[in-house]
PDB file of N, CA and C in Angstrom:
ATOM      1  N   UNK A   1       0.717  -1.105  -0.067  1.00  0.00           N
ATOM      2  CA  UNK A   1      -0.040   0.101   0.066  1.00  0.00           C
ATOM      3  C   UNK A   1       0.940   1.186   0.145  1.00  0.00           C
ATOM      4  N   UNK A   2       0.363   2.094  -0.666  1.00  0.00           N
ATOM      5  CA  UNK A   2       1.060   3.629  -0.732  1.00  0.00           C
ATOM      6  C   UNK A   2       1.000   4.109   0.467  1.00  0.00           C
ATOM      7  N   UNK A   3       2.336   4.835   0.762  1.00  0.00           N
ATOM      8  CA  UNK A   3       2.426   5.692   2.094  1.00  0.00           C
ATOM      9  C   UNK A   3       2.645   7.179   1.748  1.00  0.00           C
ATOM     10  N   UNK A   4       3.106   7.444   0.835  1.00  0.00           N
ATOM     11  CA  UNK A   4       3.029   8.678   0.304  1.00  0.00           C
ATOM     12  C   UNK A   4       1.595   9.428  -0.112  1.00  0.00           C
ATOM     13  N   UNK A   5       1.396  10.618   0.406  1.00  0.00           N
ATOM     14  CA  UNK A   5       0.129  11.405   0.011  1.00  0.00           C
ATOM     15  C   UNK A   5      -0.152  11.386  -1.093  1.00  0.00           C
ATOM     16  N   UNK A   6       0.536  11.594  -2.500  1.00  0.00           N
ATOM     17  CA  UNK A   6       0.480  11.767  -3.529  1.00  0.00           C
ATOM     18  C   UNK A   6       0.116  10.669  -4.246  1.00  0.00           C
ATOM     19  N   UNK A   7       1.003   9.287  -3.780  1.00  0.00           N
ATOM     20  CA  UNK A   7       0.667   8.325  -4.331  1.00  0.00           C
ATOM     21  C   UNK A   7      -0.671   7.540  -3.845  1.00  0.00           C
ATOM     22  N   UNK A   8      -1.247   7.860  -2.761  1.00  0.00           N
ATOM     23  CA  UNK A   8      -2.663   7.657  -2.343  1.00  0.00           C
ATOM     24  C   UNK A   8      -3.577   8.276  -3.127  1.00  0.00           C
ATOM     25  N   UNK A   9      -3.164   9.545  -3.190  1.00  0.00           N
ATOM     26  CA  UNK A   9      -4.298  10.159  -4.568  1.00  0.00           C
ATOM     27  C   UNK A   9      -4.147   9.588  -5.774  1.00  0.00           C
ATOM     28  N   UNK A  10      -3.190   9.108  -6.395  1.00  0.00           N
ATOM     29  CA  UNK A  10      -3.028   8.431  -7.560  1.00  0.00           C
ATOM     30  C   UNK A  10      -3.939   7.136  -7.943  1.00  0.00           C
ATOM     31  N   UNK A  11      -3.549   6.270  -6.559  1.00  0.00           N
ATOM     32  CA  UNK A  11      -4.614   5.239  -6.547  1.00  0.00           C
ATOM     33  C   UNK A  11      -6.044   5.625  -6.782  1.00  0.00           C
ATOM     34  N   UNK A  12      -6.175   6.708  -6.126  1.00  0.00           N
ATOM     35  CA  UNK A  12      -7.789   7.060  -6.455  1.00  0.00           C
ATOM     36  C   UNK A  12      -8.115   7.464  -7.475  1.00  0.00           C
ATOM     37  N   UNK A  13      -7.351   8.079  -7.860  1.00  0.00           N
ATOM     38  CA  UNK A  13      -7.997   8.277  -9.255  1.00  0.00           C
ATOM     39  C   UNK A  13      -7.485   7.315 -10.368  1.00  0.00           C
ATOM     40  N   UNK A  14      -6.664   6.439 -10.140  1.00  0.00           N
ATOM     41  CA  UNK A  14      -6.784   5.456 -11.034  1.00  0.00           C
ATOM     42  C   UNK A  14      -7.927   4.549 -10.757  1.00  0.00           C
ATOM     43  N   UNK A  15      -8.425   4.500 -10.044  1.00  0.00           N
ATOM     44  CA  UNK A  15      -9.719   3.527  -9.499  1.00  0.00           C
ATOM     45  C   UNK A  15     -11.213   4.072 -10.567  1.00  0.00           C
ATOM     46  N   UNK A  16     -10.971   5.730 -10.106  1.00  0.00           N
ATOM     47  CA  UNK A  16     -12.107   6.282 -10.829  1.00  0.00           C
ATOM     48  C   UNK A  16     -11.966   6.321 -12.008  1.00  0.00           C
ATOM     49  N   UNK A  17     -10.708   6.566 -12.759  1.00  0.00           N
ATOM     50  CA  UNK A  17     -10.688   6.774 -14.331  1.00  0.00           C
ATOM     51  C   UNK A  17     -10.849   5.167 -14.818  1.00  0.00           C
ATOM     52  N   UNK A  18     -10.361   4.136 -14.304  1.00  0.00           N
ATOM     53  CA  UNK A  18     -10.499   2.748 -14.409  1.00  0.00           C
ATOM     54  C   UNK A  18     -12.196   2.708 -14.809  1.00  0.00           C
ATOM     55  N   UNK A  19     -13.065   3.231 -13.833  1.00  0.00           N
ATOM     56  CA  UNK A  19     -14.382   2.892 -13.786  1.00  0.00           C
ATOM     57  C   UNK A  19     -14.641   3.626 -15.235  1.00  0.00           C
ATOM     58  N   UNK A  20     -14.506   4.816 -15.065  1.00  0.00           N
ATOM     59  CA  UNK A  20     -14.997   5.732 -16.069  1.00  0.00           C
ATOM     60  C   UNK A  20     -14.794   5.063 -17.693  1.00  0.00           C
ATOM     61  N   UNK A  21     -13.468   4.435 -17.796  1.00  0.00           N
ATOM     62  CA  UNK A  21     -13.147   3.994 -19.159  1.00  0.00           C
ATOM     63  C   UNK A  21     -13.689   2.679 -19.362  1.00  0.00           C
ATOM     64  N   UNK A  22     -14.015   1.947 -18.365  1.00  0.00           N
ATOM     65  CA  UNK A  22     -14.641   0.898 -18.679  1.00  0.00           C
ATOM     66  C   UNK A  22     -15.765   1.081 -19.259  1.00  0.00           C
ATOM     67  N   UNK A  23     -16.411   1.952 -18.480  1.00  0.00           N
ATOM     68  CA  UNK A  23     -17.822   2.147 -18.972  1.00  0.00           C
ATOM     69  C   UNK A  23     -18.342   2.758 -20.763  1.00  0.00           C
ATOM     70  N   UNK A  24     -17.106   3.767 -20.646  1.00  0.00           N
ATOM     71  CA  UNK A  24     -17.072   4.028 -22.013  1.00  0.00           C
ATOM     72  C   UNK A  24     -16.487   2.997 -23.150  1.00  0.00           C
ATOM     73  N   UNK A  25     -15.517   2.062 -22.970  1.00  0.00           N
ATOM     74  CA  UNK A  25     -15.015   1.263 -23.737  1.00  0.00           C
ATOM     75  C   UNK A  25     -16.280   0.281 -24.020  1.00  0.00           C
ATOM     76  N   UNK A  26     -17.579  -0.115 -23.128  1.00  0.00           N
ATOM     77  CA  UNK A  26     -18.544  -0.900 -23.501  1.00  0.00           C
ATOM     78  C   UNK A  26     -19.609  -0.073 -24.099  1.00  0.00           C
ATOM     79  N   UNK A  27     -19.616   1.411 -23.954  1.00  0.00           N
ATOM     80  CA  UNK A  27     -20.702   1.947 -25.381  1.00  0.00           C
ATOM     81  C   UNK A  27     -19.747   1.720 -26.306  1.00  0.00           C
ATOM     82  N   UNK A  28     -18.382   1.755 -26.300  1.00  0.00           N
ATOM     83  CA  UNK A  28     -18.092   1.827 -28.151  1.00  0.00           C
ATOM     84  C   UNK A  28     -18.334   0.602 -28.637  1.00  0.00           C
ATOM     85  N   UNK A  29     -18.160  -0.645 -27.770  1.00  0.00           N
ATOM     86  CA  UNK A  29     -18.152  -1.959 -28.193  1.00  0.00           C
ATOM     87  C   UNK A  29     -19.729  -2.261 -28.836  1.00  0.00           C
ATOM     88  N   UNK A  30     -20.785  -1.450 -28.098  1.00  0.00           N
ATOM     89  CA  UNK A  30     -22.393  -1.565 -28.352  1.00  0.00           C
ATOM     90  C   UNK A  30     -22.129  -0.958 -29.663  1.00  0.00           C
ATOM     91  N   UNK A  31     -21.920   0.633 -29.872  1.00  0.00           N
ATOM     92  CA  UNK A  31     -22.049   0.994 -30.999  1.00  0.00           C
ATOM     93  C   UNK A  31     -21.411  -0.109 -32.333  1.00  0.00           C
ATOM     94  N   UNK A  32     -20.020  -0.409 -32.135  1.00  0.00           N
ATOM     95  CA  UNK A  32     -19.709  -1.368 -33.303  1.00  0.00           C
ATOM     96  C   UNK A  32     -20.351  -2.743 -33.105  1.00  0.00           C
ATOM     97  N   UNK A  33     -21.256  -3.119 -32.381  1.00  0.00           N
ATOM     98  CA  UNK A  33     -21.805  -4.381 -32.566  1.00  0.00           C
ATOM     99  C   UNK A  33     -23.213  -4.240 -33.325  1.00  0.00           C
ATOM    100  N   UNK A  34     -23.650  -2.666 -33.480  1.00  0.00           N
ATOM    101  CA  UNK A  34     -24.939  -2.157 -33.974  1.00  0.00           C
ATOM    102  C   UNK A  34     -24.319  -2.320 -35.413  1.00  0.00           C
ATOM    103  N   UNK A  35     -23.185  -1.616 -35.643  1.00  0.00           N
ATOM    104  CA  UNK A  35     -22.842  -1.926 -37.387  1.00  0.00           C
ATOM    105  C   UNK A  35     -22.625  -3.511 -37.712  1.00  0.00           C
ATOM    106  N   UNK A  36     -21.735  -4.239 -36.965  1.00  0.00           N
ATOM    107  CA  UNK A  36     -21.847  -5.531 -37.023  1.00  0.00           C
ATOM    108  C   UNK A  36     -22.899  -6.352 -37.626  1.00  0.00           C
ATOM    109  N   UNK A  37     -23.862  -6.224 -36.686  1.00  0.00           N
ATOM    110  CA  UNK A  37     -25.456  -6.918 -36.608  1.00  0.00           C
ATOM    111  C   UNK A  37     -26.216  -6.147 -38.232  1.00  0.00           C
ATOM    112  N   UNK A  38     -26.022  -4.753 -38.697  1.00  0.00           N
ATOM    113  CA  UNK A  38     -26.691  -4.314 -39.693  1.00  0.00           C
ATOM    114  C   UNK A  38     -25.943  -4.891 -41.328  1.00  0.00           C
ATOM    115  N   UNK A  39     -24.493  -4.972 -40.999  1.00  0.00           N
ATOM    116  CA  UNK A  39     -23.408  -5.645 -41.817  1.00  0.00           C
ATOM    117  C   UNK A  39     -24.101  -7.025 -42.152  1.00  0.00           C
ATOM    118  N   UNK A  40     -24.124  -7.799 -40.869  1.00  0.00           N
ATOM    119  CA  UNK A  40     -24.619  -9.179 -41.178  1.00  0.00           C
ATOM    120  C   UNK A  40     -25.712  -9.378 -41.957  1.00  0.00           C
ATOM    121  N   UNK A  41     -26.833  -8.507 -41.292  1.00  0.00           N
ATOM    122  CA  UNK A  41     -28.215  -8.720 -41.710  1.00  0.00           C
ATOM    123  C   UNK A  41     -28.268  -8.571 -43.204  1.00  0.00           C
ATOM    124  N   UNK A  42     -27.211  -7.594 -43.961  1.00  0.00           N
ATOM    125  CA  UNK A  42     -27.306  -7.167 -45.059  1.00  0.00           C
ATOM    126  C   UNK A  42     -27.885  -6.143 -45.754  1.00  0.00           C
ATOM    127  N   UNK A  43     -28.550  -5.263 -44.401  1.00  0.00           N
ATOM    128  CA  UNK A  43     -28.828  -4.035 -44.629  1.00  0.00           C
ATOM    129  C   UNK A  43     -28.102  -2.750 -44.621  1.00  0.00           C
ATOM    130  N   UNK A  44     -27.958  -2.358 -46.058  1.00  0.00           N
ATOM    131  CA  UNK A  44     -27.273  -1.164 -46.061  1.00  0.00           C
ATOM    132  C   UNK A  44     -27.229   0.043 -45.338  1.00  0.00           C
ATOM    133  N   UNK A  45     -28.652   0.319 -45.622  1.00  0.00           N
ATOM    134  CA  UNK A  45     -28.955   1.574 -44.910  1.00  0.00           C
ATOM    135  C   UNK A  45     -28.847   1.862 -43.290  1.00  0.00           C
ATOM    136  N   UNK A  46     -29.062   0.476 -42.601  1.00  0.00           N
ATOM    137  CA  UNK A  46     -29.115   0.428 -41.200  1.00  0.00           C
ATOM    138  C   UNK A  46     -27.308   0.780 -40.925  1.00  0.00           C
ATOM    139  N   UNK A  47     -26.769   0.180 -41.775  1.00  0.00           N
ATOM    140  CA  UNK A  47     -25.337  -0.242 -41.642  1.00  0.00           C
ATOM    141  C   UNK A  47     -24.588   1.121 -41.703  1.00  0.00           C
ATOM    142  N   UNK A  48     -25.121   1.809 -42.774  1.00  0.00           N
ATOM    143  CA  UNK A  48     -24.379   3.296 -42.984  1.00  0.00           C
ATOM    144  C   UNK A  48     -25.189   4.188 -41.920  1.00  0.00           C
ATOM    145  N   UNK A  49     -26.314   4.089 -41.297  1.00  0.00           N
ATOM    146  CA  UNK A  49     -26.692   4.839 -40.434  1.00  0.00           C
ATOM    147  C   UNK A  49     -25.937   4.369 -38.999  1.00  0.00           C
ATOM    148  N   UNK A  50     -25.348   3.138 -38.491  1.00  0.00           N
ATOM    149  CA  UNK A  50     -24.802   2.788 -37.257  1.00  0.00           C
ATOM    150  C   UNK A  50     -23.312   3.370 -37.695  1.00  0.00           C
ATOM    151  N   UNK A  51     -22.905   3.144 -38.978  1.00  0.00           N
ATOM    152  CA  UNK A  51     -21.739   3.771 -39.071  1.00  0.00           C
ATOM    153  C   UNK A  51     -21.251   5.234 -38.862  1.00  0.00           C
ATOM    154  N   UNK A  52     -22.261   5.865 -39.409  1.00  0.00           N
ATOM    155  CA  UNK A  52     -22.158   7.385 -39.104  1.00  0.00           C
ATOM    156  C   UNK A  52     -22.585   7.861 -37.583  1.00  0.00           C
ATOM    157  N   UNK A  53     -22.748   7.021 -36.689  1.00  0.00           N
ATOM    158  CA  UNK A  53     -23.264   7.024 -35.375  1.00  0.00           C
ATOM    159  C   UNK A  53     -21.861   6.536 -34.672  1.00  0.00           C
ATOM    160  N   UNK A  54     -21.512   5.756 -35.122  1.00  0.00           N
ATOM    161  CA  UNK A  54     -20.174   5.055 -34.726  1.00  0.00           C
ATOM    162  C   UNK A  54     -18.832   6.143 -34.746  1.00  0.00           C
ATOM    163  N   UNK A  55     -18.614   6.769 -35.813  1.00  0.00           N
ATOM    164  CA  UNK A  55     -17.678   7.134 -36.209  1.00  0.00           C
ATOM    165  C   UNK A  55     -17.100   8.251 -34.753  1.00  0.00           C
ATOM    166  N   UNK A  56     -18.184   9.359 -34.733  1.00  0.00           N
ATOM    167  CA  UNK A  56     -17.642  10.291 -33.910  1.00  0.00           C
ATOM    168  C   UNK A  56     -17.166   9.615 -32.289  1.00  0.00           C
ATOM    169  N   UNK A  57     -18.022   8.630 -32.291  1.00  0.00           N
ATOM    170  CA  UNK A  57     -17.807   7.855 -30.781  1.00  0.00           C
ATOM    171  C   UNK A  57     -16.086   7.150 -30.588  1.00  0.00           C
ATOM    172  N   UNK A  58     -15.925   6.990 -31.733  1.00  0.00           N
ATOM    173  CA  UNK A  58     -14.529   6.111 -32.053  1.00  0.00           C
ATOM    174  C   UNK A  58     -13.661   7.203 -32.119  1.00  0.00           C
ATOM    175  N   UNK A  59     -13.948   7.925 -32.427  1.00  0.00           N
ATOM    176  CA  UNK A  59     -13.085   9.448 -32.602  1.00  0.00           C
ATOM    177  C   UNK A  59     -12.749   9.995 -31.138  1.00  0.00           C
ATOM    178  N   UNK A  60     -13.874   9.944 -30.627  1.00  0.00           N
ATOM    179  CA  UNK A  60     -13.837  10.745 -29.251  1.00  0.00           C
ATOM    180  C   UNK A  60     -13.150   9.462 -27.851  1.00  0.00           C
ATOM    181  N   UNK A  61     -13.221   7.994 -28.550  1.00  0.00           N
ATOM    182  CA  UNK A  61     -12.268   7.328 -27.497  1.00  0.00           C
ATOM    183  C   UNK A  61     -10.951   7.239 -28.153  1.00  0.00           C
ATOM    184  N   UNK A  62     -10.500   7.766 -29.052  1.00  0.00           N
ATOM    185  CA  UNK A  62      -9.055   8.082 -29.135  1.00  0.00           C
ATOM    186  C   UNK A  62      -8.655   9.071 -28.851  1.00  0.00           C
ATOM    187  N   UNK A  63      -9.305  10.122 -28.730  1.00  0.00           N
ATOM    188  CA  UNK A  63      -8.921  11.326 -28.188  1.00  0.00           C
ATOM    189  C   UNK A  63      -8.893  11.528 -26.682  1.00  0.00           C
ATOM    190  N   UNK A  64      -9.787  10.648 -26.009  1.00  0.00           N
ATOM    191  CA  UNK A  64      -9.551  10.282 -24.758  1.00  0.00           C
ATOM    192  C   UNK A  64      -8.594   9.186 -24.377  1.00  0.00           C
ATOM    193  N   UNK A  65      -7.968   8.484 -25.230  1.00  0.00           N
ATOM    194  CA  UNK A  65      -6.979   7.789 -25.007  1.00  0.00           C
ATOM    195  C   UNK A  65      -7.176   6.292 -24.668  1.00  0.00           C
ATOM    196  N   UNK A  66      -8.798   6.138 -25.132  1.00  0.00           N
ATOM    197  CA  UNK A  66      -9.463   4.974 -24.794  1.00  0.00           C
ATOM    198  C   UNK A  66      -8.990   3.400 -25.690  1.00  0.00           C
ATOM    199  N   UNK A  67      -8.820   4.226 -26.723  1.00  0.00           N
ATOM    200  CA  UNK A  67      -8.309   3.330 -28.199  1.00  0.00           C
ATOM    201  C   UNK A  67      -7.304   4.120 -28.693  1.00  0.00           C
ATOM    202  N   UNK A  68      -6.258   3.246 -29.560  1.00  0.00           N
ATOM    203  CA  UNK A  68      -5.250   3.959 -30.037  1.00  0.00           C
ATOM    204  C   UNK A  68      -5.610   4.604 -31.337  1.00  0.00           C
ATOM    205  N   UNK A  69      -5.520   5.777 -31.617  1.00  0.00           N
ATOM    206  CA  UNK A  69      -5.753   6.421 -33.044  1.00  0.00           C
ATOM    207  C   UNK A  69      -5.697   5.449 -34.064  1.00  0.00           C
ATOM    208  N   UNK A  70      -4.701   4.880 -34.304  1.00  0.00           N
ATOM    209  CA  UNK A  70      -4.152   3.770 -35.450  1.00  0.00           C
ATOM    210  C   UNK A  70      -5.289   3.053 -35.560  1.00  0.00           C
ATOM    211  N   UNK A  71      -5.669   2.253 -34.403  1.00  0.00           N
ATOM    212  CA  UNK A  71      -6.810   1.344 -34.080  1.00  0.00           C
ATOM    213  C   UNK A  71      -7.971   1.693 -34.549  1.00  0.00           C
ATOM    214  N   UNK A  72      -8.566   3.078 -34.176  1.00  0.00           N
ATOM    215  CA  UNK A  72      -9.929   3.440 -34.599  1.00  0.00           C
ATOM    216  C   UNK A  72      -9.603   3.901 -36.073  1.00  0.00           C
ATOM    217  N   UNK A  73      -8.791   4.146 -36.638  1.00  0.00           N
ATOM    218  CA  UNK A  73      -8.697   4.353 -38.007  1.00  0.00           C
ATOM    219  C   UNK A  73      -8.868   3.182 -38.856  1.00  0.00           C
ATOM    220  N   UNK A  74      -8.091   2.354 -38.346  1.00  0.00           N
ATOM    221  CA  UNK A  74      -8.244   0.832 -38.692  1.00  0.00           C
ATOM    222  C   UNK A  74      -9.482   0.281 -38.827  1.00  0.00           C
ATOM    223  N   UNK A  75     -10.057   0.316 -37.753  1.00  0.00           N
ATOM    224  CA  UNK A  75     -11.538  -0.290 -37.452  1.00  0.00           C
ATOM    225  C   UNK A  75     -12.674   0.428 -38.744  1.00  0.00           C
ATOM    226  N   UNK A  76     -12.532   1.791 -38.351  1.00  0.00           N
ATOM    227  CA  UNK A  76     -13.579   2.574 -39.506  1.00  0.00           C
ATOM    228  C   UNK A  76     -12.825   2.350 -41.009  1.00  0.00           C
ATOM    229  N   UNK A  77     -11.936   2.103 -41.300  1.00  0.00           N
ATOM    230  CA  UNK A  77     -11.739   1.758 -42.380  1.00  0.00           C
ATOM    231  C   UNK A  77     -12.119   0.200 -43.149  1.00  0.00           C
ATOM    232  N   UNK A  78     -12.000  -0.471 -42.222  1.00  0.00           N
ATOM    233  CA  UNK A  78     -12.198  -2.064 -42.555  1.00  0.00           C
ATOM    234  C   UNK A  78     -13.858  -1.703 -42.420  1.00  0.00           C
ATOM    235  N   UNK A  79     -14.735  -1.359 -41.524  1.00  0.00           N
ATOM    236  CA  UNK A  79     -15.922  -1.335 -41.672  1.00  0.00           C
ATOM    237  C   UNK A  79     -16.638  -0.503 -42.555  1.00  0.00           C
ATOM    238  N   UNK A  80     -16.003   0.496 -43.167  1.00  0.00           N
ATOM    239  CA  UNK A  80     -16.642   1.145 -44.336  1.00  0.00           C
ATOM    240  C   UNK A  80     -16.396   0.191 -45.390  1.00  0.00           C
ATOM    241  N   UNK A  81     -15.443  -0.502 -45.671  1.00  0.00           N
ATOM    242  CA  UNK A  81     -15.281  -1.149 -47.049  1.00  0.00           C
ATOM    243  C   UNK A  81     -16.259  -2.297 -46.716  1.00  0.00           C
ATOM    244  N   UNK A  82     -16.486  -2.783 -45.775  1.00  0.00           N
ATOM    245  CA  UNK A  82     -17.245  -3.948 -45.626  1.00  0.00           C
ATOM    246  C   UNK A  82     -19.007  -3.512 -45.902  1.00  0.00           C
ATOM    247  N   UNK A  83     -18.623  -2.212 -45.414  1.00  0.00           N
ATOM    248  CA  UNK A  83     -20.569  -1.548 -45.697  1.00  0.00           C
ATOM    249  C   UNK A  83     -20.303  -1.105 -47.398  1.00  0.00           C
ATOM    250  N   UNK A  84     -19.292  -0.890 -48.189  1.00  0.00           N
ATOM    251  CA  UNK A  84     -19.701  -0.718 -49.487  1.00  0.00           C
ATOM    252  C   UNK A  84     -19.869  -1.847 -50.354  1.00  0.00           C
ATOM    253  N   UNK A  85     -19.472  -2.694 -49.876  1.00  0.00           N
ATOM    254  CA  UNK A  85     -19.807  -4.481 -50.758  1.00  0.00           C
ATOM    255  C   UNK A  85     -20.912  -4.760 -50.272  1.00  0.00           C
ATOM    256  N   UNK A  86     -21.801  -4.332 -49.396  1.00  0.00           N
ATOM    257  CA  UNK A  86     -22.976  -4.343 -49.490  1.00  0.00           C
ATOM    258  C   UNK A  86     -23.554  -4.164 -50.881  1.00  0.00           C
ATOM    259  N   UNK A  87     -24.644  -4.899 -51.335  1.00  0.00           N
ATOM    260  CA  UNK A  87     -25.522  -4.641 -52.532  1.00  0.00           C
ATOM    261  C   UNK A  87     -26.670  -3.524 -52.059  1.00  0.00           C
TER     262      UNK A  87
END
């Protein structure tokens, strides 16, 4: 256990931020799942709408350092390619 006051504060902050980031990560997975389900169903309009909703959320996640920015770019790129392939 930490003895120094600043170290104790750091542990408190880490616990709080971990909880917040866990919620944010869960929200991102939910948004991504909606896009995946629309693609699997073959519904291009729903997939496009879900993709437009997930884009700013992923970018926000990258900005808040929940996900790496390159990982976000890769996910968005791959999703957009899959949506374009739908008839």
